[in-house]
Amino acid sequence: MAVLSTGSGSNGIMHRVARLSVLSLAAAVLGLGSQSARASDADWNAVVEAAKKEGTVTVYAVAGTARTKTALELFEKTTGIRVETLDARPAELRERIRNEVVAGRRIGDVVLTGSTIRNAIPLNIFEKHPAIPNIARIQKPSEDDGYVVPILISTFGLMLNNNMVKAGDEPKSWKDLADPKWKGKILANDPRAVGQGNVTFTVLLEKLGREAIEKMAPNITLATDVSVSERRVAQGEFAMYMAFGPANLPLYEGLPVRAWVPEEGSPYVESVMAMIKNPPHPNAARFLMNWLLSDEGQKIQVDYGVRSVTGVQSDKISEGVKRALQAKLLGQADPLKVNDQLAVMKEIFK
């Protein structure tokens, strides 16, 4: 005979029944959860198997990006899926994709490029991508919008010449670039054209205001060739260069330069991926996009001196690069306002 220990009479019986019902419901929910997880795993395994049967994925990528090339080579090696690539400038990639979609020619599967590709979403040339498990790993401020998925973050700051900018004399704020002592000593990537200079100055414009940019402008000499500009600072022709990507610091090992980020933080730009509309290899495209957000896919790229969108860290970069990458993020330029931003920069830097 069972003896109820919680209360007496009908109230005690009801309490016991209620408690058993709650426990049963919890068990049922947990059971359904695990079944759902198993079903989800099974669904993704089916995608992977289908991807391997497709055997190929065609990737359109920004030309000259070594980290992308290395990552795609590793994906091909570890998965057995052949990667066919087309490298071109962002505007050329966008036009090629548009032409293919309009003509109904199914060639490209995935595009890997900069965040300005978001401009092309209204053209209806991208697929609203299906479920990709590793998208859940993306950390703020980056986020997936259903079409364009962030992969990495490139940050920008200053390259300083150690002989001309002593320790403790660095610009504490971006506004300090207006100090008369820096007149003629700052070299900058030209913000009147699309590029890292435009990204940096337009973020500063948004965060600090136009007056701050106008005050620093007389101190700045504009240049267009990034590699030559950085070298001019390393050789002491200028005290600093903006906008400097810390990924380039190892190129100047042994020279008197360091990376520096003022206290407000780093302007940045995201590298992103998107599935081209009606891809010929949809499963391989999903598999690749998921892999690029895996620890393996992120690690091989952050070793080049960029930030992971999932929090993966590199153990191969120098301390100087690591410090610059760990600075807080100030903001990124709005790709939908590029033309307006270029017009403002042309007004300021005449």
Protein backbone atom coordinates (compact mmCIF):
# COMPACT_ATOMS: atom_id res chain seq x y z
CA MET A 1 0.00 0.00 0.00
CA ALA A 2 1.31 3.46 -0.93
CA VAL A 3 1.27 6.13 1.73
CA LEU A 4 1.00 9.80 0.65
CA SER A 5 3.34 12.01 2.60
CA THR A 6 2.40 15.37 1.09
CA GLY A 7 -0.85 16.51 2.72
CA SER A 8 -3.95 14.47 3.47
CA GLY A 9 -7.27 13.68 1.81
CA SER A 10 -8.11 14.82 -1.72
CA ASN A 11 -5.81 17.89 -1.54
CA GLY A 12 -2.77 15.66 -0.92
CA ILE A 13 -3.69 13.34 -3.77
CA MET A 14 -4.14 16.28 -6.16
CA HIS A 15 -0.74 17.73 -5.15
CA ARG A 16 0.94 14.39 -5.87
CA VAL A 17 -0.81 14.04 -9.24
CA ALA A 18 0.11 17.60 -10.21
CA ARG A 19 3.74 16.99 -9.28
CA LEU A 20 3.90 13.79 -11.32
CA SER A 21 2.29 15.58 -14.26
CA VAL A 22 4.93 18.34 -14.18
CA LEU A 23 7.74 15.79 -14.03
CA SER A 24 6.23 13.79 -16.87
CA LEU A 25 5.84 16.94 -18.98
CA ALA A 26 9.45 17.92 -18.33
CA ALA A 27 10.65 14.47 -19.33
CA ALA A 28 8.55 14.61 -22.46
CA VAL A 29 9.96 18.04 -23.40
CA LEU A 30 13.52 16.81 -22.85
CA GLY A 31 12.81 13.78 -24.95
CA LEU A 32 11.37 15.86 -27.75
CA GLY A 33 14.42 18.19 -27.52
CA SER A 34 16.86 15.33 -27.99
CA GLN A 35 14.78 13.89 -30.78
CA SER A 36 14.77 17.33 -32.43
CA ALA A 37 18.57 17.59 -32.06
CA ARG A 38 18.99 14.10 -33.52
CA ALA A 39 16.68 15.01 -36.42
CA SER A 40 18.64 18.22 -36.99
CA ASP A 41 21.93 16.29 -37.00
CA ALA A 42 20.46 13.81 -39.44
CA ASP A 43 19.27 16.64 -41.70
CA TRP A 44 22.73 18.23 -41.75
CA ASN A 45 24.40 14.88 -42.39
CA ALA A 46 22.13 14.55 -45.42
CA VAL A 47 23.30 17.98 -46.64
CA VAL A 48 26.94 16.91 -46.26
CA GLU A 49 26.37 13.67 -48.14
CA ALA A 50 24.55 15.53 -50.92
CA ALA A 51 27.40 18.07 -51.06
CA LYS A 52 29.93 15.29 -51.53
CA LYS A 53 27.84 13.82 -54.31
CA GLU A 54 27.76 17.21 -56.04
CA GLY A 55 31.53 17.12 -55.69
CA THR A 56 32.18 20.73 -56.71
CA VAL A 57 31.55 24.24 -55.44
CA THR A 58 32.20 27.38 -57.50
CA VAL A 59 33.34 30.40 -55.53
CA TYR A 60 33.58 34.01 -56.71
CA ALA A 61 36.08 35.87 -54.52
CA VAL A 62 37.83 39.22 -54.27
CA ALA A 63 41.15 39.03 -56.09
CA GLY A 64 44.40 38.95 -54.15
CA THR A 65 43.06 37.75 -50.79
CA ALA A 66 45.62 35.17 -49.63
CA ARG A 67 43.64 34.07 -46.58
CA THR A 68 40.64 33.16 -48.76
CA LYS A 69 42.84 31.12 -51.10
CA THR A 70 44.39 29.27 -48.16
CA ALA A 71 41.01 28.55 -46.57
CA LEU A 72 39.50 27.23 -49.81
CA GLU A 73 42.51 24.99 -50.39
CA LEU A 74 42.10 23.50 -46.92
CA PHE A 75 38.35 22.98 -47.45
CA GLU A 76 39.05 21.11 -50.67
CA LYS A 77 41.78 19.01 -49.05
CA THR A 78 39.76 18.02 -45.97
CA THR A 79 36.37 17.46 -47.62
CA GLY A 80 37.31 16.13 -51.06
CA ILE A 81 34.98 18.69 -52.68
CA ARG A 82 36.66 20.44 -55.58
CA VAL A 83 36.68 24.25 -55.33
CA GLU A 84 36.59 26.23 -58.55
CA THR A 85 37.31 29.92 -58.10
CA LEU A 86 36.95 33.14 -60.02
CA ASP A 87 38.87 36.11 -58.61
CA ALA A 88 37.90 39.65 -59.54
CA ARG A 89 37.29 43.10 -58.08
CA PRO A 90 34.07 43.51 -56.04
CA ALA A 91 32.29 45.55 -58.72
CA GLU A 92 33.21 42.98 -61.36
CA LEU A 93 31.94 40.12 -59.19
CA ARG A 94 28.64 41.87 -58.64
CA GLU A 95 28.16 42.50 -62.38
CA ARG A 96 29.07 38.93 -63.32
CA ILE A 97 26.58 37.53 -60.81
CA ARG A 98 23.85 39.88 -62.03
CA ASN A 99 24.45 38.86 -65.65
CA GLU A 100 24.36 35.16 -64.80
CA VAL A 101 21.11 35.45 -62.83
CA VAL A 102 19.39 37.55 -65.50
CA ALA A 103 20.50 35.15 -68.24
CA GLY A 104 19.58 32.07 -66.20
CA ARG A 105 23.15 30.77 -66.40
CA ARG A 106 23.84 28.71 -63.27
CA ILE A 107 27.61 28.86 -62.74
CA GLY A 108 28.55 30.48 -59.42
CA ASP A 109 27.52 29.06 -56.03
CA VAL A 110 28.98 31.37 -53.37
CA VAL A 111 30.51 34.85 -53.38
CA LEU A 112 33.16 35.87 -50.84
CA THR A 113 33.71 39.62 -50.78
CA GLY A 114 33.40 42.83 -48.75
CA SER A 115 30.25 44.09 -47.05
CA THR A 116 29.45 46.56 -49.86
CA ILE A 117 27.92 43.59 -51.68
CA ARG A 118 24.86 44.24 -49.48
CA ASN A 119 24.04 46.94 -52.06
CA ALA A 120 23.17 44.13 -54.46
CA ILE A 121 20.45 42.49 -52.32
CA PRO A 122 17.65 44.52 -54.01
CA LEU A 123 18.83 43.16 -57.38
CA ASN A 124 17.48 39.74 -56.36
CA ILE A 125 20.73 37.98 -57.26
CA PHE A 126 21.24 36.15 -53.97
CA GLU A 127 19.47 33.18 -52.45
CA LYS A 128 17.87 33.52 -49.03
CA HIS A 129 20.12 30.85 -47.61
CA PRO A 130 18.75 27.69 -45.95
CA ALA A 131 19.75 26.68 -42.41
CA ILE A 132 23.50 26.81 -41.79
CA PRO A 133 24.26 25.54 -38.25
CA ASN A 134 27.43 27.54 -37.55
CA ILE A 135 25.68 30.85 -38.18
CA ALA A 136 24.50 30.53 -34.56
CA ARG A 137 28.16 31.00 -33.51
CA ILE A 138 28.42 34.53 -34.94
CA GLN A 139 28.93 37.12 -32.20
CA LYS A 140 27.75 40.73 -32.02
CA PRO A 141 28.18 43.24 -33.55
CA SER A 142 28.23 40.94 -36.60
CA GLU A 143 24.97 39.30 -37.63
CA ASP A 144 23.38 37.35 -40.46
CA ASP A 145 20.56 39.09 -42.35
CA GLY A 146 19.34 35.95 -44.10
CA TYR A 147 21.25 36.72 -47.30
CA VAL A 148 24.70 38.08 -46.42
CA VAL A 149 26.67 36.23 -43.74
CA PRO A 150 29.71 37.83 -42.01
CA ILE A 151 32.89 35.71 -41.95
CA LEU A 152 35.70 37.95 -40.69
CA ILE A 153 36.43 41.51 -39.53
CA SER A 154 39.29 43.67 -40.85
CA THR A 155 40.14 46.55 -38.52
CA PHE A 156 41.92 49.81 -39.25
CA GLY A 157 44.05 52.09 -37.13
CA LEU A 158 47.39 53.86 -37.41
CA MET A 159 50.89 52.80 -38.33
CA LEU A 160 53.38 54.85 -36.27
CA ASN A 161 57.07 55.42 -36.90
CA ASN A 162 58.79 54.66 -33.59
CA ASN A 163 61.49 57.29 -34.13
CA MET A 164 59.00 60.07 -34.84
CA VAL A 165 56.24 59.11 -32.37
CA LYS A 166 57.76 58.17 -29.02
CA ALA A 167 55.98 56.00 -26.46
CA GLY A 168 53.46 58.15 -24.60
CA ASP A 169 53.20 60.65 -27.44
CA GLU A 170 50.71 58.63 -29.50
CA PRO A 171 47.38 60.23 -30.44
CA LYS A 172 45.12 59.25 -27.54
CA SER A 173 42.01 60.16 -29.52
CA TRP A 174 41.36 60.26 -33.24
CA LYS A 175 40.64 63.96 -32.68
CA ASP A 176 44.30 64.43 -31.68
CA LEU A 177 45.23 64.12 -35.36
CA ALA A 178 44.15 67.77 -35.59
CA ASP A 179 47.03 68.83 -33.30
CA PRO A 180 49.26 71.32 -35.23
CA LYS A 181 52.35 69.28 -34.26
CA TRP A 182 51.28 66.61 -36.76
CA LYS A 183 50.97 69.03 -39.70
CA GLY A 184 52.59 67.42 -42.75
CA LYS A 185 53.39 64.27 -40.78
CA ILE A 186 50.27 62.19 -41.47
CA LEU A 187 49.91 60.14 -44.64
CA ALA A 188 46.45 58.73 -45.33
CA ASN A 189 44.79 56.40 -47.80
CA ASP A 190 42.64 58.61 -50.03
CA PRO A 191 39.05 58.66 -48.66
CA ARG A 192 37.65 60.08 -51.90
CA ALA A 193 37.69 56.60 -53.45
CA VAL A 194 36.30 53.29 -52.20
CA GLY A 195 38.81 51.56 -49.94
CA GLN A 196 40.12 51.34 -46.39
CA GLY A 197 40.71 55.09 -46.24
CA ASN A 198 37.09 55.80 -47.11
CA VAL A 199 35.91 53.21 -44.56
CA THR A 200 38.01 54.78 -41.82
CA PHE A 201 37.17 58.41 -42.50
CA THR A 202 33.45 57.80 -42.95
CA VAL A 203 33.24 55.93 -39.63
CA LEU A 204 35.08 58.83 -37.97
CA LEU A 205 32.70 61.23 -39.71
CA GLU A 206 29.71 59.39 -38.25
CA LYS A 207 31.14 58.97 -34.75
CA LEU A 208 33.06 62.24 -34.28
CA GLY A 209 31.26 64.62 -36.64
CA ARG A 210 32.29 66.53 -39.75
CA GLU A 211 34.04 69.27 -37.81
CA ALA A 212 36.54 66.77 -36.38
CA ILE A 213 37.48 65.58 -39.89
CA GLU A 214 37.74 69.15 -41.20
CA LYS A 215 40.11 70.07 -38.36
CA MET A 216 42.49 67.16 -39.04
CA ALA A 217 42.36 67.50 -42.84
CA PRO A 218 45.06 70.27 -43.10
CA ASN A 219 47.57 67.95 -41.36
CA ILE A 220 47.00 65.09 -43.82
CA THR A 221 48.67 64.18 -47.10
CA LEU A 222 46.60 61.82 -49.27
CA ALA A 223 47.98 58.84 -51.18
CA THR A 224 46.51 55.97 -53.16
CA ASP A 225 49.07 53.12 -53.09
CA VAL A 226 48.78 51.36 -49.73
CA SER A 227 52.00 49.34 -49.89
CA VAL A 228 54.13 52.34 -50.89
CA SER A 229 52.43 54.55 -48.29
CA GLU A 230 53.22 52.18 -45.43
CA ARG A 231 56.80 51.94 -46.59
CA ARG A 232 57.12 55.74 -46.58
CA VAL A 233 56.18 55.77 -42.89
CA ALA A 234 58.56 52.90 -42.11
CA GLN A 235 61.36 54.88 -43.77
CA GLY A 236 60.59 58.03 -41.77
CA GLU A 237 59.12 60.24 -44.46
CA PHE A 238 55.93 60.55 -42.37
CA ALA A 239 55.22 59.97 -38.68
CA MET A 240 52.05 57.95 -39.20
CA TYR A 241 49.79 56.34 -41.76
CA MET A 242 46.03 55.86 -41.71
CA ALA A 243 44.18 53.63 -42.29
CA PHE A 244 46.52 50.81 -41.33
CA GLY A 245 45.41 47.19 -41.18
CA PRO A 246 47.38 45.39 -38.43
CA ALA A 247 47.52 42.30 -40.65
CA ASN A 248 50.26 44.13 -42.60
CA LEU A 249 52.54 44.69 -39.58
CA PRO A 250 54.60 41.50 -40.11
CA LEU A 251 55.60 42.84 -43.56
CA TYR A 252 57.73 45.45 -41.78
CA GLU A 253 59.45 43.23 -39.22
CA GLY A 254 62.74 44.77 -38.19
CA LEU A 255 61.66 48.28 -39.19
CA PRO A 256 60.82 50.98 -36.60
CA VAL A 257 57.01 50.83 -36.80
CA ARG A 258 54.09 49.77 -34.59
CA ALA A 259 50.33 49.51 -34.88
CA TRP A 260 48.21 51.90 -32.80
CA VAL A 261 44.49 52.35 -32.21
CA PRO A 262 43.19 55.55 -30.54
CA GLU A 263 40.89 55.19 -27.53
CA GLU A 264 37.60 55.43 -29.46
CA GLY A 265 38.42 52.16 -31.22
CA SER A 266 38.92 50.73 -34.70
CA PRO A 267 36.82 51.46 -37.77
CA TYR A 268 36.27 48.11 -39.44
CA VAL A 269 34.82 46.30 -42.41
CA GLU A 270 33.38 42.80 -42.61
CA SER A 271 34.26 40.12 -45.11
CA VAL A 272 31.03 38.36 -45.99
CA MET A 273 29.61 35.48 -48.00
CA ALA A 274 26.34 34.95 -49.83
CA MET A 275 24.72 32.16 -51.82
CA ILE A 276 24.16 33.13 -55.45
CA LYS A 277 20.57 32.70 -56.66
CA ASN A 278 19.74 29.19 -57.94
CA PRO A 279 23.24 27.77 -57.38
CA PRO A 280 24.12 24.64 -59.36
CA HIS A 281 25.63 23.05 -56.22
CA PRO A 282 23.32 24.19 -53.38
CA ASN A 283 24.42 21.58 -50.84
CA ALA A 284 28.12 22.12 -51.46
CA ALA A 285 27.49 25.86 -51.10
CA ARG A 286 25.84 25.35 -47.70
CA PHE A 287 28.59 22.98 -46.60
CA LEU A 288 31.31 25.49 -47.52
CA MET A 289 29.51 28.40 -45.84
CA ASN A 290 29.12 26.35 -42.66
CA TRP A 291 32.77 25.24 -42.77
CA LEU A 292 34.04 28.81 -43.09
CA LEU A 293 32.39 29.54 -39.73
CA SER A 294 33.84 26.43 -38.06
CA ASP A 295 36.87 26.62 -35.76
CA GLU A 296 39.00 25.16 -38.54
CA GLY A 297 37.71 27.58 -41.16
CA GLN A 298 38.05 30.61 -38.90
CA LYS A 299 41.45 29.69 -37.46
CA ILE A 300 43.24 29.38 -40.77
CA GLN A 301 42.05 32.88 -41.71
CA VAL A 302 42.58 34.75 -38.41
CA ASP A 303 46.21 33.62 -38.58
CA TYR A 304 46.48 36.29 -41.28
CA GLY A 305 45.76 39.07 -38.75
CA VAL A 306 42.00 39.62 -38.95
CA ARG A 307 39.27 39.14 -36.34
CA SER A 308 37.03 36.12 -36.19
CA VAL A 309 33.25 36.67 -36.08
CA THR A 310 32.90 33.61 -33.82
CA GLY A 311 35.59 34.49 -31.26
CA VAL A 312 38.32 32.13 -32.51
CA GLN A 313 41.80 33.38 -31.60
CA SER A 314 45.12 32.99 -33.41
CA ASP A 315 48.23 31.68 -31.68
CA LYS A 316 50.49 32.64 -34.60
CA ILE A 317 50.19 36.43 -34.83
CA SER A 318 52.62 38.77 -33.08
CA GLU A 319 51.79 40.59 -29.86
CA GLY A 320 51.66 43.91 -31.73
CA VAL A 321 49.05 42.59 -34.15
CA LYS A 322 47.13 40.93 -31.32
CA ARG A 323 46.91 44.16 -29.31
CA ALA A 324 45.62 46.09 -32.32
CA LEU A 325 43.01 43.44 -33.09
CA GLN A 326 41.79 43.39 -29.49
CA ALA A 327 40.94 47.10 -29.51
CA LYS A 328 37.23 47.82 -29.31
CA LEU A 329 35.33 48.22 -32.56
CA LEU A 330 34.25 51.77 -33.35
CA GLY A 331 31.91 51.04 -36.25
CA GLN A 332 31.75 50.22 -39.95
CA ALA A 333 30.71 52.27 -42.94
CA ASP A 334 27.17 51.83 -44.20
CA PRO A 335 27.43 50.24 -47.69
CA LEU A 336 24.09 51.81 -48.64
CA LYS A 337 25.55 55.30 -48.18
CA VAL A 338 28.79 54.93 -50.12
CA ASN A 339 28.01 57.57 -52.76
CA ASP A 340 26.98 60.13 -50.14
CA GLN A 341 30.12 59.39 -48.13
CA LEU A 342 32.38 59.81 -51.14
CA ALA A 343 30.74 63.17 -51.93
CA VAL A 344 31.40 64.46 -48.41
CA MET A 345 35.05 63.38 -48.52
CA LYS A 346 35.51 65.17 -51.82
CA GLU A 347 34.16 68.34 -50.20
CA ILE A 348 36.49 68.08 -47.21
CA PHE A 349 39.65 66.97 -49.06
CA LYS A 350 39.70 69.28 -52.09
